């Protein structure tokens, strides 16, 4: 098992995966910022000046003016506005990743098909090597 792990590390898969995680985390941060600072303000404005990041239900029964007051009091709450922002971030991130993979697959060179190494005998329909002059199965010389 240790040898397999060393081979896995040496092949570069681990490095590729680490780079992917780093860029993925950075990209997720950018998307989250875009949602919070670019997408949600106009959506909130269109919905009657609602700031989704400030939507919550305090579970202690008290009223709080905003999220900062809630956090300062340390009160438990269902912060559904932040959840809405996170869902929108997830959808946008998923769409962008889908588009990247679609573009990558389009740019990737198609794998060349391997040249055939056999042919089919016209008499018995068995596979025989291309260089054959006679079928080894039925003796047909018309191959």
N, C-alpha and C. Protein backbone atom coordinates (compact mmCIF):
# COMPACT_ATOMS: atom_id res chain seq x y z
N UNK A 1 0.83 -1.18 0.00
CA UNK A 1 0.00 0.00 0.00
C UNK A 1 0.88 1.26 0.00
N UNK A 2 1.97 1.23 0.72
CA UNK A 2 2.88 2.37 0.77
C UNK A 2 3.48 2.64 -0.61
N UNK A 3 3.83 1.56 -1.32
CA UNK A 3 4.38 1.73 -2.68
C UNK A 3 3.35 2.36 -3.61
N UNK A 4 2.09 1.93 -3.49
CA UNK A 4 1.03 2.52 -4.32
C UNK A 4 0.88 4.00 -4.03
N UNK A 5 0.95 4.35 -2.74
CA UNK A 5 0.82 5.75 -2.36
C UNK A 5 1.98 6.57 -2.91
N UNK A 6 3.20 6.03 -2.85
CA UNK A 6 4.36 6.73 -3.40
C UNK A 6 4.20 6.93 -4.91
N UNK A 7 3.73 5.90 -5.61
CA UNK A 7 3.50 6.03 -7.06
C UNK A 7 2.46 7.10 -7.35
N UNK A 8 1.41 7.13 -6.53
CA UNK A 8 0.36 8.14 -6.69
C UNK A 8 0.93 9.54 -6.54
N UNK A 9 1.80 9.73 -5.54
CA UNK A 9 2.41 11.05 -5.32
C UNK A 9 3.38 11.41 -6.44
N UNK A 10 4.16 10.45 -6.89
CA UNK A 10 5.18 10.70 -7.89
C UNK A 10 4.55 11.00 -9.26
N UNK A 11 3.44 10.35 -9.58
CA UNK A 11 2.80 10.56 -10.87
C UNK A 11 2.35 12.01 -11.07
N UNK A 12 2.22 12.75 -10.01
CA UNK A 12 1.81 14.14 -10.14
C UNK A 12 0.33 14.34 -9.88
N UNK A 13 -0.40 13.26 -9.67
CA UNK A 13 -1.83 13.40 -9.42
C UNK A 13 -2.09 14.22 -8.17
N UNK A 14 -1.27 14.02 -7.16
CA UNK A 14 -1.46 14.74 -5.91
C UNK A 14 -1.21 16.23 -6.11
N UNK A 15 -0.19 16.57 -6.87
CA UNK A 15 0.12 17.97 -7.13
C UNK A 15 -1.00 18.61 -7.95
N UNK A 16 -1.47 17.90 -8.99
CA UNK A 16 -2.58 18.42 -9.79
C UNK A 16 -3.82 18.66 -8.94
N UNK A 17 -4.10 17.71 -8.06
CA UNK A 17 -5.26 17.82 -7.20
C UNK A 17 -5.10 19.00 -6.23
N UNK A 18 -3.92 19.18 -5.68
CA UNK A 18 -3.68 20.29 -4.75
C UNK A 18 -3.86 21.63 -5.45
N UNK A 19 -3.31 21.74 -6.65
CA UNK A 19 -3.47 22.98 -7.43
C UNK A 19 -4.94 23.23 -7.72
N UNK A 20 -5.66 22.16 -8.06
CA UNK A 20 -7.10 22.28 -8.32
C UNK A 20 -7.85 22.78 -7.10
N UNK A 21 -7.53 22.24 -5.92
CA UNK A 21 -8.19 22.69 -4.70
C UNK A 21 -7.88 24.16 -4.41
N UNK A 22 -6.64 24.56 -4.60
CA UNK A 22 -6.26 25.95 -4.33
C UNK A 22 -7.01 26.90 -5.26
N UNK A 23 -6.99 26.59 -6.56
CA UNK A 23 -7.70 27.46 -7.51
C UNK A 23 -9.20 27.39 -7.30
N UNK A 24 -9.71 26.21 -6.95
CA UNK A 24 -11.14 26.08 -6.68
C UNK A 24 -11.57 26.94 -5.51
N UNK A 25 -10.78 26.93 -4.45
CA UNK A 25 -11.10 27.77 -3.29
C UNK A 25 -11.05 29.25 -3.61
N UNK A 26 -10.03 29.65 -4.36
CA UNK A 26 -9.92 31.06 -4.76
C UNK A 26 -11.08 31.45 -5.67
N UNK A 27 -11.42 30.57 -6.59
CA UNK A 27 -12.51 30.86 -7.51
C UNK A 27 -13.84 30.95 -6.77
N UNK A 28 -14.05 30.06 -5.80
CA UNK A 28 -15.29 30.10 -5.02
C UNK A 28 -15.39 31.42 -4.25
N UNK A 29 -14.27 31.93 -3.76
CA UNK A 29 -14.27 33.22 -3.05
C UNK A 29 -14.67 34.35 -3.98
N UNK A 30 -14.16 34.31 -5.20
CA UNK A 30 -14.51 35.34 -6.19
C UNK A 30 -15.99 35.27 -6.53
N UNK A 31 -16.52 34.07 -6.73
CA UNK A 31 -17.94 33.92 -7.06
C UNK A 31 -18.80 34.38 -5.90
N UNK A 32 -18.42 34.02 -4.68
CA UNK A 32 -19.19 34.44 -3.50
C UNK A 32 -19.21 35.97 -3.39
N UNK A 33 -18.08 36.60 -3.65
CA UNK A 33 -18.02 38.06 -3.62
C UNK A 33 -18.88 38.66 -4.72
N UNK A 34 -18.84 38.04 -5.90
CA UNK A 34 -19.66 38.54 -7.01
C UNK A 34 -21.14 38.47 -6.65
N UNK A 35 -21.55 37.37 -6.06
CA UNK A 35 -22.96 37.22 -5.68
C UNK A 35 -23.34 38.25 -4.63
N UNK A 36 -22.52 38.36 -3.57
CA UNK A 36 -22.84 39.26 -2.47
C UNK A 36 -22.79 40.73 -2.88
N UNK A 37 -21.83 41.09 -3.74
CA UNK A 37 -21.60 42.51 -4.03
C UNK A 37 -22.11 42.99 -5.39
N UNK A 38 -22.38 42.07 -6.31
CA UNK A 38 -22.82 42.48 -7.65
C UNK A 38 -24.22 41.97 -7.98
N UNK A 39 -24.49 40.71 -7.72
CA UNK A 39 -25.77 40.12 -8.11
C UNK A 39 -26.89 40.47 -7.13
N UNK A 40 -26.66 40.27 -5.85
CA UNK A 40 -27.73 40.42 -4.87
C UNK A 40 -28.20 41.85 -4.64
N UNK A 41 -27.35 42.89 -4.69
CA UNK A 41 -27.89 44.24 -4.50
C UNK A 41 -28.97 44.62 -5.52
N UNK A 42 -28.78 44.38 -6.83
CA UNK A 42 -29.88 44.70 -7.76
C UNK A 42 -31.11 43.81 -7.54
N UNK A 43 -30.89 42.53 -7.22
CA UNK A 43 -32.03 41.64 -6.96
C UNK A 43 -32.81 42.16 -5.75
N UNK A 44 -32.09 42.52 -4.69
CA UNK A 44 -32.74 43.07 -3.50
C UNK A 44 -33.47 44.36 -3.80
N UNK A 45 -32.89 45.21 -4.64
CA UNK A 45 -33.53 46.47 -5.02
C UNK A 45 -34.82 46.21 -5.78
N UNK A 46 -34.78 45.26 -6.69
CA UNK A 46 -35.98 44.91 -7.46
C UNK A 46 -37.07 44.32 -6.57
N UNK A 47 -36.68 43.71 -5.47
CA UNK A 47 -37.65 43.09 -4.56
C UNK A 47 -38.02 44.02 -3.40
N UNK A 48 -37.88 45.30 -3.60
CA UNK A 48 -38.30 46.26 -2.57
C UNK A 48 -37.22 46.60 -1.57
N UNK A 49 -36.01 46.78 -2.05
CA UNK A 49 -34.87 47.16 -1.22
C UNK A 49 -34.59 46.16 -0.08
N UNK A 50 -34.62 44.89 -0.43
CA UNK A 50 -34.34 43.83 0.55
C UNK A 50 -32.86 43.48 0.48
N UNK A 51 -32.21 43.47 1.64
CA UNK A 51 -30.82 43.02 1.72
C UNK A 51 -30.86 41.59 2.24
N UNK A 52 -30.67 40.63 1.32
CA UNK A 52 -30.80 39.23 1.69
C UNK A 52 -29.86 38.82 2.82
N UNK A 53 -28.69 39.43 2.87
CA UNK A 53 -27.74 39.04 3.92
C UNK A 53 -28.22 39.44 5.31
N UNK A 54 -29.25 40.27 5.40
CA UNK A 54 -29.77 40.71 6.69
C UNK A 54 -31.07 40.00 7.08
N UNK A 55 -31.46 38.99 6.31
CA UNK A 55 -32.70 38.27 6.63
C UNK A 55 -32.41 37.13 7.61
N UNK A 56 -33.12 37.14 8.72
CA UNK A 56 -32.92 36.11 9.74
C UNK A 56 -34.16 36.01 10.62
N UNK A 57 -34.25 34.89 11.32
CA UNK A 57 -35.30 34.69 12.32
C UNK A 57 -34.58 34.41 13.63
N UNK A 58 -34.73 35.32 14.59
CA UNK A 58 -34.11 35.14 15.90
C UNK A 58 -34.87 34.05 16.66
N UNK A 59 -34.15 33.10 17.21
CA UNK A 59 -34.79 31.99 17.90
C UNK A 59 -35.01 32.23 19.39
N UNK A 60 -34.51 33.35 19.89
CA UNK A 60 -34.72 33.63 21.32
C UNK A 60 -35.96 34.49 21.57
N UNK A 61 -36.70 34.81 20.50
CA UNK A 61 -37.95 35.56 20.63
C UNK A 61 -37.78 37.07 20.70
N UNK A 62 -36.56 37.55 20.70
CA UNK A 62 -36.33 39.00 20.78
C UNK A 62 -36.20 39.57 19.37
N UNK A 63 -36.35 40.88 19.27
CA UNK A 63 -36.21 41.60 18.00
C UNK A 63 -34.81 42.22 17.92
N UNK A 64 -34.18 42.10 16.77
CA UNK A 64 -32.86 42.69 16.54
C UNK A 64 -32.94 43.53 15.27
N UNK A 65 -32.30 44.70 15.32
CA UNK A 65 -32.37 45.63 14.19
C UNK A 65 -31.69 45.10 12.95
N UNK A 66 -30.59 44.40 13.14
CA UNK A 66 -29.85 43.86 11.99
C UNK A 66 -28.99 42.69 12.42
N UNK A 67 -28.26 42.13 11.46
CA UNK A 67 -27.43 40.96 11.72
C UNK A 67 -26.31 41.28 12.71
N UNK A 68 -25.77 42.51 12.64
CA UNK A 68 -24.69 42.89 13.56
C UNK A 68 -25.18 42.88 15.01
N UNK A 69 -26.40 43.38 15.25
CA UNK A 69 -26.96 43.38 16.60
C UNK A 69 -27.22 41.95 17.07
N UNK A 70 -27.69 41.12 16.16
CA UNK A 70 -27.93 39.71 16.49
C UNK A 70 -26.63 39.01 16.88
N UNK A 71 -25.59 39.23 16.06
CA UNK A 71 -24.30 38.60 16.34
C UNK A 71 -23.68 39.13 17.63
N UNK A 72 -23.84 40.43 17.89
CA UNK A 72 -23.29 41.03 19.11
C UNK A 72 -23.95 40.43 20.35
N UNK A 73 -25.25 40.16 20.25
CA UNK A 73 -25.97 39.58 21.38
C UNK A 73 -25.68 38.08 21.51
N UNK A 74 -25.14 37.50 20.44
CA UNK A 74 -24.83 36.07 20.47
C UNK A 74 -26.08 35.21 20.45
N UNK A 75 -27.16 35.75 19.93
CA UNK A 75 -28.44 35.03 19.92
C UNK A 75 -28.47 33.99 18.81
N UNK A 76 -29.11 32.87 19.07
CA UNK A 76 -29.25 31.86 18.01
C UNK A 76 -30.28 32.35 16.98
N UNK A 77 -30.02 32.03 15.71
CA UNK A 77 -30.92 32.49 14.67
C UNK A 77 -30.83 31.60 13.44
N UNK A 78 -31.89 31.61 12.67
CA UNK A 78 -31.90 30.98 11.35
C UNK A 78 -31.59 32.10 10.36
N UNK A 79 -30.43 32.05 9.77
CA UNK A 79 -29.97 33.11 8.87
C UNK A 79 -30.27 32.71 7.43
N UNK A 80 -31.55 32.74 7.08
CA UNK A 80 -31.97 32.25 5.77
C UNK A 80 -31.54 33.16 4.63
N UNK A 81 -31.28 34.41 4.88
CA UNK A 81 -30.81 35.32 3.82
C UNK A 81 -29.43 34.94 3.33
N UNK A 82 -28.55 34.60 4.27
CA UNK A 82 -27.20 34.14 3.91
C UNK A 82 -27.30 32.83 3.15
N UNK A 83 -28.23 31.98 3.56
CA UNK A 83 -28.45 30.71 2.86
C UNK A 83 -28.89 30.95 1.41
N UNK A 84 -29.76 31.91 1.20
CA UNK A 84 -30.19 32.26 -0.18
C UNK A 84 -28.98 32.71 -1.00
N UNK A 85 -28.16 33.57 -0.42
CA UNK A 85 -26.94 34.02 -1.12
C UNK A 85 -26.05 32.83 -1.47
N UNK A 86 -25.90 31.90 -0.53
CA UNK A 86 -25.04 30.74 -0.77
C UNK A 86 -25.61 29.83 -1.86
N UNK A 87 -26.92 29.69 -1.92
CA UNK A 87 -27.53 28.88 -2.98
C UNK A 87 -27.26 29.51 -4.34
N UNK A 88 -27.42 30.83 -4.42
CA UNK A 88 -27.16 31.52 -5.68
C UNK A 88 -25.68 31.39 -6.06
N UNK A 89 -24.78 31.49 -5.09
CA UNK A 89 -23.35 31.30 -5.34
C UNK A 89 -23.08 29.90 -5.88
N UNK A 90 -23.70 28.91 -5.28
CA UNK A 90 -23.52 27.53 -5.71
C UNK A 90 -23.99 27.33 -7.15
N UNK A 91 -25.13 27.89 -7.49
CA UNK A 91 -25.66 27.75 -8.85
C UNK A 91 -24.73 28.42 -9.85
N UNK A 92 -24.27 29.62 -9.54
CA UNK A 92 -23.36 30.32 -10.45
C UNK A 92 -22.04 29.56 -10.57
N UNK A 93 -21.49 29.10 -9.47
CA UNK A 93 -20.23 28.35 -9.49
C UNK A 93 -20.40 27.06 -10.29
N UNK A 94 -21.49 26.36 -10.09
CA UNK A 94 -21.75 25.14 -10.84
C UNK A 94 -21.85 25.41 -12.33
N UNK A 95 -22.51 26.50 -12.70
CA UNK A 95 -22.65 26.85 -14.12
C UNK A 95 -21.30 27.20 -14.73
N UNK A 96 -20.49 27.96 -14.01
CA UNK A 96 -19.17 28.34 -14.54
C UNK A 96 -18.28 27.11 -14.68
N UNK A 97 -18.29 26.21 -13.70
CA UNK A 97 -17.49 24.98 -13.80
C UNK A 97 -17.97 24.15 -14.98
N UNK A 98 -19.29 24.07 -15.17
CA UNK A 98 -19.85 23.35 -16.32
C UNK A 98 -19.34 23.94 -17.63
N UNK A 99 -19.32 25.27 -17.72
CA UNK A 99 -18.86 25.92 -18.96
C UNK A 99 -17.36 25.68 -19.17
N UNK A 100 -16.56 25.71 -18.10
CA UNK A 100 -15.13 25.43 -18.22
C UNK A 100 -14.90 24.01 -18.73
N UNK A 101 -15.61 23.05 -18.17
CA UNK A 101 -15.42 21.66 -18.58
C UNK A 101 -15.90 21.46 -20.01
N UNK A 102 -16.98 22.10 -20.36
CA UNK A 102 -17.49 22.01 -21.74
C UNK A 102 -16.46 22.58 -22.72
N UNK A 103 -15.87 23.73 -22.39
CA UNK A 103 -14.84 24.33 -23.25
C UNK A 103 -13.59 23.46 -23.30
N UNK A 104 -13.20 22.89 -22.16
CA UNK A 104 -12.03 22.02 -22.11
C UNK A 104 -12.23 20.80 -23.00
N UNK A 105 -13.38 20.18 -22.90
CA UNK A 105 -13.66 19.00 -23.71
C UNK A 105 -13.69 19.33 -25.20
N UNK A 106 -14.12 20.52 -25.52
CA UNK A 106 -14.16 20.94 -26.93
C UNK A 106 -12.75 21.16 -27.48
N UNK A 107 -11.85 21.70 -26.64
CA UNK A 107 -10.48 21.98 -27.07
C UNK A 107 -9.61 20.74 -27.07
N UNK A 108 -9.95 19.77 -26.24
CA UNK A 108 -9.15 18.56 -26.13
C UNK A 108 -9.15 17.82 -27.46
N UNK A 109 -7.96 17.39 -27.88
CA UNK A 109 -7.85 16.66 -29.14
C UNK A 109 -8.53 15.32 -29.01
N UNK A 110 -9.30 14.94 -30.04
CA UNK A 110 -9.91 13.60 -29.97
C UNK A 110 -8.83 12.53 -30.08
N UNK A 111 -9.03 11.47 -29.35
CA UNK A 111 -8.05 10.38 -29.36
C UNK A 111 -8.09 9.70 -30.72
N UNK A 112 -6.90 9.47 -31.27
CA UNK A 112 -6.82 8.81 -32.57
C UNK A 112 -7.21 7.34 -32.41
N UNK A 113 -7.97 6.87 -33.38
CA UNK A 113 -8.38 5.47 -33.33
C UNK A 113 -7.19 4.61 -33.74
N UNK A 114 -7.04 3.51 -33.06
CA UNK A 114 -5.94 2.60 -33.36
C UNK A 114 -6.20 1.92 -34.70
N UNK A 115 -5.13 1.75 -35.47
CA UNK A 115 -5.26 1.08 -36.76
C UNK A 115 -5.63 -0.38 -36.53
N UNK A 116 -6.53 -0.91 -37.36
CA UNK A 116 -6.93 -2.30 -37.17
C UNK A 116 -5.75 -3.26 -37.39
N UNK A 117 -5.72 -4.31 -36.61
CA UNK A 117 -4.65 -5.31 -36.73
C UNK A 117 -5.18 -6.63 -37.25
N UNK A 118 -6.51 -6.70 -37.40
CA UNK A 118 -7.11 -7.94 -37.89
C UNK A 118 -8.10 -7.63 -38.99
N UNK A 119 -8.47 -8.70 -39.71
CA UNK A 119 -9.52 -8.60 -40.72
C UNK A 119 -10.42 -9.81 -40.54
N UNK A 120 -11.58 -9.77 -41.18
CA UNK A 120 -12.55 -10.85 -41.05
C UNK A 120 -12.49 -11.74 -42.28
N UNK A 121 -12.42 -13.02 -42.04
CA UNK A 121 -12.43 -14.00 -43.13
C UNK A 121 -13.81 -13.97 -43.79
N UNK A 122 -13.84 -13.89 -45.11
CA UNK A 122 -15.10 -13.85 -45.84
C UNK A 122 -15.84 -15.18 -45.84
N UNK A 123 -15.16 -16.24 -45.55
CA UNK A 123 -15.75 -17.59 -45.58
C UNK A 123 -16.33 -17.98 -44.23
N UNK A 124 -15.53 -17.89 -43.17
CA UNK A 124 -15.99 -18.36 -41.85
C UNK A 124 -16.26 -17.23 -40.86
N UNK A 125 -16.01 -15.98 -41.23
CA UNK A 125 -16.26 -14.78 -40.42
C UNK A 125 -15.41 -14.72 -39.15
N UNK A 126 -14.28 -15.40 -39.12
CA UNK A 126 -13.38 -15.35 -37.97
C UNK A 126 -12.37 -14.22 -38.16
N UNK A 127 -11.88 -13.67 -37.06
CA UNK A 127 -10.87 -12.62 -37.11
C UNK A 127 -9.51 -13.25 -37.37
N UNK A 128 -8.76 -12.70 -38.34
CA UNK A 128 -7.42 -13.19 -38.67
C UNK A 128 -6.49 -12.00 -38.81
N UNK A 129 -5.18 -12.17 -38.60
CA UNK A 129 -4.24 -11.05 -38.74
C UNK A 129 -4.27 -10.47 -40.16
N UNK A 130 -4.00 -9.16 -40.25
CA UNK A 130 -4.03 -8.47 -41.54
C UNK A 130 -3.06 -9.08 -42.55
N UNK A 131 -1.91 -9.53 -42.09
CA UNK A 131 -0.89 -10.06 -43.00
C UNK A 131 -1.19 -11.48 -43.49
N UNK A 132 -2.26 -12.09 -43.00
CA UNK A 132 -2.55 -13.48 -43.38
C UNK A 132 -2.88 -13.59 -44.87
N UNK A 133 -2.38 -14.67 -45.48
CA UNK A 133 -2.69 -15.00 -46.87
C UNK A 133 -3.73 -16.10 -46.92
N UNK A 134 -3.89 -16.78 -45.78
CA UNK A 134 -4.80 -17.92 -45.70
C UNK A 134 -5.41 -17.93 -44.30
N UNK A 135 -6.72 -18.21 -44.22
CA UNK A 135 -7.41 -18.27 -42.92
C UNK A 135 -6.96 -19.52 -42.19
N UNK A 136 -6.55 -19.36 -40.96
CA UNK A 136 -6.11 -20.49 -40.15
C UNK A 136 -7.26 -21.31 -39.60
N UNK A 137 -8.48 -20.81 -39.74
CA UNK A 137 -9.64 -21.51 -39.20
C UNK A 137 -10.29 -22.43 -40.24
N UNK A 138 -10.46 -21.90 -41.46
CA UNK A 138 -11.17 -22.68 -42.47
C UNK A 138 -10.29 -23.00 -43.67
N UNK A 139 -9.12 -22.41 -43.78
CA UNK A 139 -8.23 -22.66 -44.91
C UNK A 139 -8.52 -21.83 -46.15
N UNK A 140 -9.42 -20.90 -46.05
CA UNK A 140 -9.78 -20.02 -47.17
C UNK A 140 -8.55 -19.23 -47.61
N UNK A 141 -8.27 -19.23 -48.89
CA UNK A 141 -7.12 -18.47 -49.42
C UNK A 141 -7.56 -17.18 -50.08
N UNK A 142 -8.83 -16.88 -50.00
CA UNK A 142 -9.38 -15.68 -50.61
C UNK A 142 -9.60 -14.59 -49.56
N UNK A 143 -8.57 -14.33 -48.77
CA UNK A 143 -8.73 -13.36 -47.69
C UNK A 143 -8.11 -12.03 -48.00
